Amino acid sequence: MSWKDRLGLVHIYTGNGKGKTTSAFGLAVRMLGSGGRVIIIQFLKAGRAYGEQVKIEECGAVIESFGLPKFVHGKPSEEDIEAAKRALERAREVASSGEWDLVVLDELCVALSFGMLDVDEVKELIRKKAPHTELVLTGRYCPEELFELADYVTEMREVKHPYQRGVLARRGVEY
C-alpha cells in the first residue's frame, strides 16, 4: 500500500501541560522513519533555535516558521496577526496539496485563542486536507468545536512543573 492509499487522520494536542510540540515532533520522527514526507508550520515560534528544529530538519522534515522573534503576550500586534494569517494560508496549501504525509500546525491553537485567526477557517482547512495526509494541531486553549473534526484529542494536563519553583526553561528539555 502506498502512502497515498492510506487514511490520514486529525490529531489535536492541547492543554496546559508540557509535551504538545514534543509529541508532534515524535510523530514526525516516526513518519520520517517510515518513509513519509513531513512539513511543520510553526505559527508563533521564530527567532530562537529550538533543539528539536535542528535535528528534525537533519532527518528530512521541512520546517517553516511564521512567528515573529518575540512572544505574543496579551493583545497581539497587527504584525503578529498578519504573520499568523500567512502561516494559515501556507498551512491550507500544504494540507490540501497531497504532497505531504504529515502536516504539523504547531501552536495553531494558541493563535486561535489570541484571536489572530478565525476558527471557521481552520475547520475548512481540516475538511479540505488531502485524504491520506495526517494532520496535527498543537497548542494550549484549543477551541472545543475543533474536537468534533479530530480523530485524536489529547489534553496535556499540568500537575507539577519546575517553573512553579522558579526554574526557567532549560535547553534540551523545554527548548
N, C-alpha and C. Protein backbone atom coordinates (compact mmCIF):
# COMPACT_ATOMS: atom_id res chain seq x y z
N MET A 1 0.84 -1.18 0.00
CA MET A 1 0.00 0.00 0.00
C MET A 1 0.89 1.25 0.00
N SER A 2 0.61 2.19 -0.86
CA SER A 2 1.38 3.42 -0.89
C SER A 2 0.82 4.41 0.13
N TRP A 3 1.61 5.45 0.43
CA TRP A 3 1.16 6.49 1.36
C TRP A 3 -0.14 7.12 0.88
N LYS A 4 -0.27 7.26 -0.42
CA LYS A 4 -1.45 7.94 -0.97
C LYS A 4 -2.73 7.12 -0.79
N ASP A 5 -2.60 5.83 -0.51
CA ASP A 5 -3.77 4.96 -0.34
C ASP A 5 -4.23 4.84 1.11
N ARG A 6 -3.48 5.41 2.02
CA ARG A 6 -3.83 5.24 3.43
C ARG A 6 -4.75 6.36 3.92
N LEU A 7 -5.39 6.12 5.04
CA LEU A 7 -6.29 7.08 5.64
C LEU A 7 -5.50 8.02 6.54
N GLY A 8 -5.57 9.32 6.28
CA GLY A 8 -4.91 10.32 7.12
C GLY A 8 -5.91 10.87 8.11
N LEU A 9 -5.53 10.90 9.37
CA LEU A 9 -6.43 11.35 10.43
C LEU A 9 -5.97 12.68 11.02
N VAL A 10 -6.78 13.24 11.91
CA VAL A 10 -6.53 14.54 12.51
C VAL A 10 -6.27 14.38 14.01
N HIS A 11 -5.19 14.98 14.48
CA HIS A 11 -4.79 14.93 15.89
C HIS A 11 -4.84 16.34 16.45
N ILE A 12 -5.25 16.46 17.71
CA ILE A 12 -5.13 17.72 18.45
C ILE A 12 -4.40 17.40 19.75
N TYR A 13 -3.30 18.13 19.99
CA TYR A 13 -2.55 18.04 21.23
C TYR A 13 -2.67 19.39 21.91
N THR A 14 -3.41 19.44 23.02
CA THR A 14 -3.71 20.71 23.68
C THR A 14 -3.55 20.57 25.18
N GLY A 15 -3.87 21.62 25.93
CA GLY A 15 -3.80 21.60 27.38
C GLY A 15 -2.64 22.43 27.90
N ASN A 16 -2.61 22.60 29.22
CA ASN A 16 -1.59 23.44 29.85
C ASN A 16 -0.32 22.69 30.20
N GLY A 17 -0.31 21.39 30.05
CA GLY A 17 0.87 20.61 30.39
C GLY A 17 1.92 20.63 29.30
N LYS A 18 3.12 20.22 29.68
CA LYS A 18 4.25 20.14 28.76
C LYS A 18 4.08 18.95 27.81
N GLY A 19 4.52 19.10 26.58
CA GLY A 19 4.62 17.95 25.70
C GLY A 19 3.84 17.99 24.41
N LYS A 20 3.17 19.07 24.11
CA LYS A 20 2.34 19.12 22.89
C LYS A 20 3.22 19.12 21.63
N THR A 21 4.13 20.06 21.57
CA THR A 21 5.05 20.11 20.42
C THR A 21 5.95 18.89 20.41
N THR A 22 6.40 18.48 21.59
CA THR A 22 7.26 17.31 21.69
C THR A 22 6.57 16.07 21.13
N SER A 23 5.29 15.90 21.43
CA SER A 23 4.54 14.75 20.89
C SER A 23 4.41 14.84 19.37
N ALA A 24 4.15 16.04 18.88
CA ALA A 24 4.02 16.21 17.43
C ALA A 24 5.35 15.91 16.73
N PHE A 25 6.44 16.35 17.33
CA PHE A 25 7.75 16.08 16.73
C PHE A 25 8.09 14.60 16.81
N GLY A 26 7.67 13.93 17.88
CA GLY A 26 7.86 12.49 17.97
C GLY A 26 7.13 11.76 16.86
N LEU A 27 5.89 12.18 16.59
CA LEU A 27 5.14 11.59 15.48
C LEU A 27 5.83 11.88 14.15
N ALA A 28 6.39 13.09 14.03
CA ALA A 28 7.12 13.44 12.80
C ALA A 28 8.32 12.52 12.59
N VAL A 29 9.06 12.23 13.66
CA VAL A 29 10.20 11.32 13.55
C VAL A 29 9.73 9.94 13.13
N ARG A 30 8.63 9.49 13.72
CA ARG A 30 8.07 8.19 13.36
C ARG A 30 7.70 8.15 11.88
N MET A 31 7.05 9.21 11.40
CA MET A 31 6.65 9.28 9.99
C MET A 31 7.87 9.29 9.08
N LEU A 32 8.88 10.09 9.43
CA LEU A 32 10.11 10.13 8.63
C LEU A 32 10.78 8.77 8.60
N GLY A 33 10.81 8.10 9.76
CA GLY A 33 11.42 6.78 9.84
C GLY A 33 10.69 5.72 9.03
N SER A 34 9.41 6.00 8.74
CA SER A 34 8.60 5.09 7.92
C SER A 34 8.60 5.48 6.45
N GLY A 35 9.38 6.50 6.11
CA GLY A 35 9.50 6.91 4.71
C GLY A 35 8.52 7.99 4.28
N GLY A 36 7.79 8.58 5.21
CA GLY A 36 6.82 9.62 4.87
C GLY A 36 7.46 11.00 4.74
N ARG A 37 6.74 11.91 4.11
CA ARG A 37 7.18 13.30 3.94
C ARG A 37 6.49 14.16 4.99
N VAL A 38 7.28 15.01 5.67
CA VAL A 38 6.79 15.78 6.81
C VAL A 38 7.09 17.26 6.63
N ILE A 39 6.07 18.08 6.92
CA ILE A 39 6.27 19.53 7.00
C ILE A 39 5.64 20.02 8.30
N ILE A 40 6.34 20.96 8.93
CA ILE A 40 5.89 21.56 10.18
C ILE A 40 5.77 23.06 9.95
N ILE A 41 4.56 23.57 10.16
CA ILE A 41 4.31 25.00 10.06
C ILE A 41 4.22 25.53 11.48
N GLN A 42 5.10 26.44 11.85
CA GLN A 42 5.10 26.99 13.20
C GLN A 42 4.45 28.37 13.18
N PHE A 43 3.37 28.50 13.95
CA PHE A 43 2.58 29.72 13.94
C PHE A 43 3.17 30.82 14.82
N LEU A 44 3.83 30.49 15.92
CA LEU A 44 4.28 31.52 16.84
C LEU A 44 5.77 31.45 17.16
N LYS A 45 6.45 30.42 16.76
CA LYS A 45 7.85 30.27 17.14
C LYS A 45 8.76 30.76 16.02
N ALA A 46 9.68 31.64 16.39
CA ALA A 46 10.69 32.13 15.45
C ALA A 46 11.77 32.84 16.24
N GLY A 47 12.93 32.92 15.67
CA GLY A 47 13.99 33.70 16.29
C GLY A 47 14.76 33.00 17.38
N ARG A 48 14.40 31.76 17.69
CA ARG A 48 15.10 31.01 18.73
C ARG A 48 15.41 29.63 18.15
N ALA A 49 16.60 29.15 18.36
CA ALA A 49 16.99 27.83 17.84
C ALA A 49 16.53 26.74 18.81
N TYR A 50 15.34 26.23 18.60
CA TYR A 50 14.84 25.13 19.41
C TYR A 50 15.57 23.85 18.98
N GLY A 51 16.00 23.04 19.95
CA GLY A 51 16.78 21.85 19.65
C GLY A 51 16.09 20.89 18.70
N GLU A 52 14.76 20.74 18.85
CA GLU A 52 14.04 19.79 18.00
C GLU A 52 14.02 20.25 16.54
N GLN A 53 14.05 21.56 16.31
CA GLN A 53 14.03 22.06 14.93
C GLN A 53 15.28 21.62 14.18
N VAL A 54 16.42 21.76 14.83
CA VAL A 54 17.70 21.43 14.21
C VAL A 54 17.73 19.96 13.80
N LYS A 55 17.42 19.07 14.71
CA LYS A 55 17.53 17.64 14.44
C LYS A 55 16.48 17.13 13.47
N ILE A 56 15.26 17.63 13.58
CA ILE A 56 14.22 17.10 12.71
C ILE A 56 14.45 17.51 11.26
N GLU A 57 15.04 18.68 11.06
CA GLU A 57 15.40 19.08 9.70
C GLU A 57 16.51 18.18 9.15
N GLU A 58 17.45 17.80 10.01
CA GLU A 58 18.51 16.87 9.60
C GLU A 58 17.93 15.53 9.18
N CYS A 59 16.80 15.16 9.78
CA CYS A 59 16.14 13.89 9.45
C CYS A 59 15.30 13.98 8.17
N GLY A 60 15.10 15.18 7.64
CA GLY A 60 14.38 15.32 6.38
C GLY A 60 13.07 16.07 6.45
N ALA A 61 12.66 16.51 7.62
CA ALA A 61 11.42 17.31 7.72
C ALA A 61 11.69 18.72 7.22
N VAL A 62 10.64 19.36 6.76
CA VAL A 62 10.69 20.77 6.38
C VAL A 62 10.00 21.55 7.50
N ILE A 63 10.64 22.62 7.97
CA ILE A 63 10.04 23.48 8.99
C ILE A 63 9.95 24.89 8.42
N GLU A 64 8.76 25.46 8.53
CA GLU A 64 8.55 26.84 8.12
C GLU A 64 7.97 27.59 9.32
N SER A 65 8.71 28.59 9.80
CA SER A 65 8.29 29.36 10.97
C SER A 65 7.78 30.73 10.54
N PHE A 66 6.60 31.07 11.02
CA PHE A 66 5.97 32.32 10.63
C PHE A 66 5.87 33.32 11.77
N GLY A 67 6.11 32.88 12.99
CA GLY A 67 6.01 33.79 14.12
C GLY A 67 7.09 34.85 14.09
N LEU A 68 6.89 35.90 14.84
CA LEU A 68 7.88 36.96 14.95
C LEU A 68 8.84 36.61 16.07
N PRO A 69 10.05 37.17 16.05
CA PRO A 69 11.04 36.80 17.08
C PRO A 69 10.76 37.44 18.44
N LYS A 70 9.53 37.31 18.89
CA LYS A 70 9.13 37.77 20.22
C LYS A 70 7.91 36.95 20.62
N PHE A 71 7.65 36.86 21.90
CA PHE A 71 6.48 36.14 22.37
C PHE A 71 5.26 37.04 22.28
N VAL A 72 4.12 36.45 21.99
CA VAL A 72 2.87 37.19 21.98
C VAL A 72 2.29 37.10 23.40
N HIS A 73 2.15 38.22 24.03
CA HIS A 73 1.54 38.29 25.35
C HIS A 73 0.42 39.32 25.28
N GLY A 74 -0.73 38.97 25.81
CA GLY A 74 -1.84 39.92 25.78
C GLY A 74 -2.39 40.09 24.39
N LYS A 75 -2.54 41.31 23.97
CA LYS A 75 -3.12 41.62 22.67
C LYS A 75 -2.05 41.52 21.58
N PRO A 76 -2.27 40.69 20.58
CA PRO A 76 -1.27 40.58 19.50
C PRO A 76 -1.25 41.84 18.64
N SER A 77 -0.08 42.14 18.11
CA SER A 77 0.07 43.29 17.22
C SER A 77 -0.48 42.94 15.84
N GLU A 78 -0.65 43.95 15.01
CA GLU A 78 -1.08 43.71 13.62
C GLU A 78 -0.06 42.84 12.90
N GLU A 79 1.23 43.03 13.20
CA GLU A 79 2.28 42.20 12.59
C GLU A 79 2.12 40.73 12.98
N ASP A 80 1.80 40.49 14.27
CA ASP A 80 1.57 39.12 14.74
C ASP A 80 0.40 38.49 13.99
N ILE A 81 -0.67 39.25 13.84
CA ILE A 81 -1.87 38.75 13.17
C ILE A 81 -1.58 38.44 11.70
N GLU A 82 -0.86 39.34 11.04
CA GLU A 82 -0.51 39.10 9.63
C GLU A 82 0.37 37.87 9.48
N ALA A 83 1.32 37.69 10.40
CA ALA A 83 2.19 36.50 10.36
C ALA A 83 1.36 35.23 10.52
N ALA A 84 0.41 35.24 11.45
CA ALA A 84 -0.46 34.07 11.66
C ALA A 84 -1.31 33.79 10.42
N LYS A 85 -1.79 34.83 9.77
CA LYS A 85 -2.59 34.64 8.55
C LYS A 85 -1.75 34.07 7.43
N ARG A 86 -0.49 34.51 7.32
CA ARG A 86 0.41 33.92 6.31
C ARG A 86 0.65 32.44 6.61
N ALA A 87 0.82 32.12 7.89
CA ALA A 87 1.02 30.72 8.28
C ALA A 87 -0.20 29.89 7.93
N LEU A 88 -1.39 30.43 8.18
CA LEU A 88 -2.62 29.69 7.87
C LEU A 88 -2.77 29.47 6.37
N GLU A 89 -2.44 30.46 5.58
CA GLU A 89 -2.52 30.31 4.13
C GLU A 89 -1.57 29.22 3.65
N ARG A 90 -0.35 29.22 4.19
CA ARG A 90 0.62 28.18 3.83
C ARG A 90 0.12 26.81 4.31
N ALA A 91 -0.46 26.77 5.50
CA ALA A 91 -0.98 25.51 6.04
C ALA A 91 -2.08 24.96 5.13
N ARG A 92 -2.96 25.83 4.63
CA ARG A 92 -4.01 25.40 3.69
C ARG A 92 -3.39 24.74 2.46
N GLU A 93 -2.36 25.40 1.93
CA GLU A 93 -1.70 24.88 0.72
C GLU A 93 -1.12 23.50 0.96
N VAL A 94 -0.34 23.35 2.03
CA VAL A 94 0.35 22.08 2.24
C VAL A 94 -0.60 20.96 2.65
N ALA A 95 -1.61 21.28 3.46
CA ALA A 95 -2.53 20.23 3.92
C ALA A 95 -3.38 19.68 2.79
N SER A 96 -3.71 20.50 1.82
CA SER A 96 -4.57 20.05 0.72
C SER A 96 -3.80 19.56 -0.49
N SER A 97 -2.50 19.80 -0.54
CA SER A 97 -1.71 19.51 -1.74
C SER A 97 -1.57 18.03 -2.07
N GLY A 98 -1.60 17.18 -1.06
CA GLY A 98 -1.34 15.76 -1.29
C GLY A 98 0.14 15.44 -1.34
N GLU A 99 0.98 16.44 -1.22
CA GLU A 99 2.43 16.26 -1.29
C GLU A 99 3.02 15.73 0.02
N TRP A 100 2.31 15.98 1.14
CA TRP A 100 2.86 15.68 2.45
C TRP A 100 2.06 14.56 3.13
N ASP A 101 2.79 13.69 3.83
CA ASP A 101 2.15 12.60 4.56
C ASP A 101 1.79 13.01 5.98
N LEU A 102 2.54 13.96 6.54
CA LEU A 102 2.24 14.51 7.85
C LEU A 102 2.43 16.02 7.80
N VAL A 103 1.41 16.74 8.26
CA VAL A 103 1.47 18.19 8.38
C VAL A 103 1.22 18.54 9.84
N VAL A 104 2.19 19.21 10.46
CA VAL A 104 2.06 19.64 11.85
C VAL A 104 1.85 21.15 11.85
N LEU A 105 0.78 21.60 12.50
CA LEU A 105 0.49 23.03 12.64
C LEU A 105 0.75 23.40 14.09
N ASP A 106 2.01 23.74 14.36
CA ASP A 106 2.49 23.94 15.72
C ASP A 106 2.06 25.30 16.26
N GLU A 107 1.41 25.29 17.42
CA GLU A 107 0.90 26.46 18.13
C GLU A 107 -0.27 27.15 17.41
N LEU A 108 -0.91 26.44 16.50
CA LEU A 108 -2.10 26.98 15.84
C LEU A 108 -3.19 27.30 16.87
N CYS A 109 -3.36 26.43 17.85
CA CYS A 109 -4.43 26.63 18.83
C CYS A 109 -4.20 27.89 19.65
N VAL A 110 -2.96 28.21 19.95
CA VAL A 110 -2.66 29.44 20.68
C VAL A 110 -3.01 30.65 19.83
N ALA A 111 -2.66 30.60 18.54
CA ALA A 111 -3.01 31.70 17.64
C ALA A 111 -4.52 31.90 17.61
N LEU A 112 -5.27 30.80 17.62
CA LEU A 112 -6.73 30.91 17.68
C LEU A 112 -7.18 31.57 18.99
N SER A 113 -6.58 31.15 20.09
CA SER A 113 -7.01 31.67 21.39
C SER A 113 -6.73 33.16 21.53
N PHE A 114 -5.71 33.66 20.85
CA PHE A 114 -5.40 35.09 20.87
C PHE A 114 -6.25 35.88 19.88
N GLY A 115 -7.13 35.19 19.15
CA GLY A 115 -7.98 35.87 18.18
C GLY A 115 -7.25 36.29 16.92
N MET A 116 -6.13 35.67 16.66
CA MET A 116 -5.33 36.02 15.48
C MET A 116 -5.89 35.38 14.21
N LEU A 117 -6.67 34.32 14.38
CA LEU A 117 -7.23 33.56 13.27
C LEU A 117 -8.70 33.26 13.56
N ASP A 118 -9.42 32.91 12.52
CA ASP A 118 -10.83 32.56 12.65
C ASP A 118 -10.98 31.04 12.69
N VAL A 119 -11.68 30.52 13.67
CA VAL A 119 -11.83 29.08 13.84
C VAL A 119 -12.53 28.44 12.64
N ASP A 120 -13.43 29.16 11.98
CA ASP A 120 -14.10 28.60 10.80
C ASP A 120 -13.13 28.34 9.66
N GLU A 121 -12.11 29.19 9.54
CA GLU A 121 -11.10 28.96 8.51
C GLU A 121 -10.28 27.71 8.81
N VAL A 122 -10.03 27.46 10.09
CA VAL A 122 -9.30 26.25 10.48
C VAL A 122 -10.16 25.02 10.22
N LYS A 123 -11.45 25.11 10.52
CA LYS A 123 -12.36 24.00 10.23
C LYS A 123 -12.34 23.66 8.74
N GLU A 124 -12.35 24.69 7.91
CA GLU A 124 -12.32 24.48 6.47
C GLU A 124 -11.01 23.82 6.04
N LEU A 125 -9.90 24.25 6.62
CA LEU A 125 -8.60 23.64 6.34
C LEU A 125 -8.65 22.15 6.66
N ILE A 126 -9.19 21.80 7.83
CA ILE A 126 -9.27 20.40 8.24
C ILE A 126 -10.12 19.60 7.24
N ARG A 127 -11.24 20.14 6.87
CA ARG A 127 -12.14 19.44 5.94
C ARG A 127 -11.53 19.25 4.55
N LYS A 128 -10.65 20.16 4.16
CA LYS A 128 -10.08 20.12 2.80
C LYS A 128 -8.69 19.50 2.74
N LYS A 129 -8.22 18.94 3.84
CA LYS A 129 -6.90 18.31 3.79
C LYS A 129 -6.94 17.12 2.84
N ALA A 130 -5.80 16.77 2.28
CA ALA A 130 -5.72 15.60 1.41
C ALA A 130 -6.10 14.36 2.21
N PRO A 131 -6.81 13.41 1.61
CA PRO A 131 -7.32 12.25 2.35
C PRO A 131 -6.25 11.42 3.05
N HIS A 132 -5.05 11.33 2.47
CA HIS A 132 -4.01 10.50 3.08
C HIS A 132 -3.15 11.27 4.09
N THR A 133 -3.30 12.58 4.16
CA THR A 133 -2.43 13.41 5.00
C THR A 133 -2.86 13.35 6.46
N GLU A 134 -1.90 13.02 7.31
CA GLU A 134 -2.09 13.06 8.76
C GLU A 134 -1.89 14.52 9.17
N LEU A 135 -2.80 15.07 9.95
CA LEU A 135 -2.75 16.48 10.31
C LEU A 135 -2.74 16.61 11.82
N VAL A 136 -1.78 17.39 12.35
CA VAL A 136 -1.65 17.59 13.78
C VAL A 136 -1.74 19.08 14.10
N LEU A 137 -2.61 19.44 15.04
CA LEU A 137 -2.73 20.80 15.55
C LEU A 137 -2.24 20.78 16.99
N THR A 138 -1.35 21.72 17.34
CA THR A 138 -0.87 21.78 18.71
C THR A 138 -1.18 23.15 19.33
N GLY A 139 -1.10 23.19 20.64
CA GLY A 139 -1.18 24.45 21.36
C GLY A 139 -2.25 24.45 22.44
N ARG A 140 -2.01 25.26 23.44
CA ARG A 140 -2.96 25.45 24.54
C ARG A 140 -4.25 26.05 24.01
N TYR A 141 -5.29 25.88 24.79
CA TYR A 141 -6.57 26.57 24.57
C TYR A 141 -7.25 26.24 23.25
N CYS A 142 -7.14 25.02 22.79
CA CYS A 142 -7.80 24.65 21.54
C CYS A 142 -9.32 24.80 21.70
N PRO A 143 -9.96 25.47 20.75
CA PRO A 143 -11.42 25.58 20.83
C PRO A 143 -12.06 24.20 20.75
N GLU A 144 -12.96 23.91 21.67
CA GLU A 144 -13.58 22.58 21.71
C GLU A 144 -14.36 22.26 20.45
N GLU A 145 -14.79 23.27 19.71
CA GLU A 145 -15.53 22.98 18.48
C GLU A 145 -14.66 22.30 17.44
N LEU A 146 -13.33 22.35 17.58
CA LEU A 146 -12.45 21.61 16.66
C LEU A 146 -12.38 20.13 17.03
N PHE A 147 -12.71 19.80 18.28
CA PHE A 147 -12.63 18.41 18.72
C PHE A 147 -13.49 17.49 17.86
N GLU A 148 -14.66 17.97 17.44
CA GLU A 148 -15.57 17.13 16.65
C GLU A 148 -14.98 16.75 15.29
N LEU A 149 -14.03 17.53 14.79
CA LEU A 149 -13.41 17.23 13.50
C LEU A 149 -12.16 16.37 13.64
N ALA A 150 -11.71 16.17 14.86
CA ALA A 150 -10.48 15.43 15.11
C ALA A 150 -10.77 13.96 15.37
N ASP A 151 -9.78 13.14 15.08
CA ASP A 151 -9.85 11.71 15.38
C ASP A 151 -9.16 11.39 16.70
N TYR A 152 -8.12 12.17 17.03
CA TYR A 152 -7.40 12.04 18.29
C TYR A 152 -7.45 13.41 18.97
N VAL A 153 -7.82 13.45 20.22
CA VAL A 153 -7.71 14.67 21.01
C VAL A 153 -7.01 14.28 22.31
N THR A 154 -5.83 14.87 22.52
CA THR A 154 -5.06 14.59 23.72
C THR A 154 -4.87 15.91 24.47
N GLU A 155 -5.25 15.91 25.75
CA GLU A 155 -5.06 17.09 26.57
C GLU A 155 -3.93 16.83 27.55
N MET A 156 -2.87 17.61 27.44
CA MET A 156 -1.76 17.53 28.38
C MET A 156 -2.15 18.37 29.60
N ARG A 157 -2.16 17.74 30.75
CA ARG A 157 -2.57 18.42 31.97
C ARG A 157 -1.36 18.61 32.87
N GLU A 158 -1.11 19.85 33.26
CA GLU A 158 -0.01 20.13 34.16
C GLU A 158 -0.40 19.75 35.59
N VAL A 159 0.37 18.88 36.18
CA VAL A 159 0.18 18.51 37.58
C VAL A 159 1.27 19.19 38.41
N LYS A 160 2.49 19.17 37.89
CA LYS A 160 3.63 19.78 38.57
C LYS A 160 4.64 20.17 37.50
N HIS A 161 5.29 21.30 37.68
CA HIS A 161 6.28 21.77 36.70
C HIS A 161 7.34 22.56 37.45
N PRO A 162 8.62 22.41 37.10
CA PRO A 162 9.69 23.14 37.79
C PRO A 162 9.53 24.67 37.71
N TYR A 163 8.84 25.17 36.71
CA TYR A 163 8.61 26.60 36.59
C TYR A 163 7.92 27.16 37.84
N GLN A 164 7.09 26.32 38.46
CA GLN A 164 6.39 26.74 39.68
C GLN A 164 7.37 27.04 40.82
N ARG A 165 8.59 26.49 40.73
CA ARG A 165 9.64 26.74 41.73
C ARG A 165 10.63 27.79 41.25
N GLY A 166 10.36 28.39 40.10
CA GLY A 166 11.25 29.42 39.58
C GLY A 166 12.32 28.90 38.63
N VAL A 167 12.27 27.61 38.27
CA VAL A 167 13.24 27.05 37.33
C VAL A 167 12.82 27.46 35.92
N LEU A 168 13.72 28.16 35.24
CA LEU A 168 13.43 28.64 33.88
C LEU A 168 13.60 27.54 32.86
N ALA A 169 13.12 27.78 31.64
CA ALA A 169 13.22 26.81 30.54
C ALA A 169 14.69 26.41 30.35
N ARG A 170 14.89 25.11 30.19
CA ARG A 170 16.23 24.57 30.05
C ARG A 170 16.44 24.01 28.66
N ARG A 171 17.59 24.36 28.06
CA ARG A 171 17.94 23.87 26.72
C ARG A 171 17.99 22.35 26.74
N GLY A 172 17.41 21.73 25.73
CA GLY A 172 17.40 20.29 25.63
C GLY A 172 16.20 19.65 26.30
N VAL A 173 15.46 20.42 27.10
CA VAL A 173 14.27 19.89 27.77
C VAL A 173 13.03 20.69 27.36
N GLU A 174 13.05 22.00 27.55
CA GLU A 174 11.91 22.82 27.16
C GLU A 174 12.10 23.51 25.81
N TYR A 175 13.32 23.60 25.35
CA TYR A 175 13.56 24.16 24.00
C TYR A 175 14.79 23.59 23.39
